[in-house]
Amino acid sequence: MRIVSGIYKGRRFSPPTNLKARPTTDIAKEGLFNILNNMVDFEELKVLDMFGGTGNISMEFASRGSKDITLLELNSTNYSFIRKVLAELKIDCVNAIKGDTFRFVEKTSTKYDLIFADPPYDHKDLDKIPDLVFEHSLLAEDGLLILEHPKDRSFTSHPHFYDHRNYGHVNFTFFK
């Protein structure tokens, strides 16, 4: 994996083989951030990364100047890897929390400008994530939710649907 742009551009990090995560591909990540370049001011964003995995997406936001990033990761191995890479890169704007995303959502009163959710593709509650975000009013005014999901899922009929992009096996649906 590599960081595509920003102050850490080109930095590579390799997750251990026992990491239970499916990192967003570099091509999909580059496409996503090209879209976001025209939509947001990275330095002003309050970001929530709901399923941190490798930390790949949060590190990309940090590299592009986001200063307030919360990353949630339940798996201990993944969480340790994320903490290690954040320390190596001296990234201090990512608040990595080891915990369950669904419990966090129920308890937080914080509003985010951008929420990125990349749950395991076989997660039993993947389809419920957009409703969960909106039911708990997690988005700030004009906030954006981005859900990464497999191609066999469609959210075009969701009342908050905004856009959909496909990068091979990686799909992003945007909600406002």
Foldseek 3Di string as FASTA:
>chain_A
DAQPDAPRHGDDDDADPPQPADDDDPVVLVVVVVVVVVPDQLQPWAEEELACRQVRNVVNSVRSHHQAYEYEHADPSSLVNNVVVCVVVVPDSYHYDHDHSLVCLVPDLAATQEYEYEDPQPDPCLVVVVVSCVVSVRHDVNHKYKYKYFPVDDDVVPPQWDDWDDDPRIIITMGD
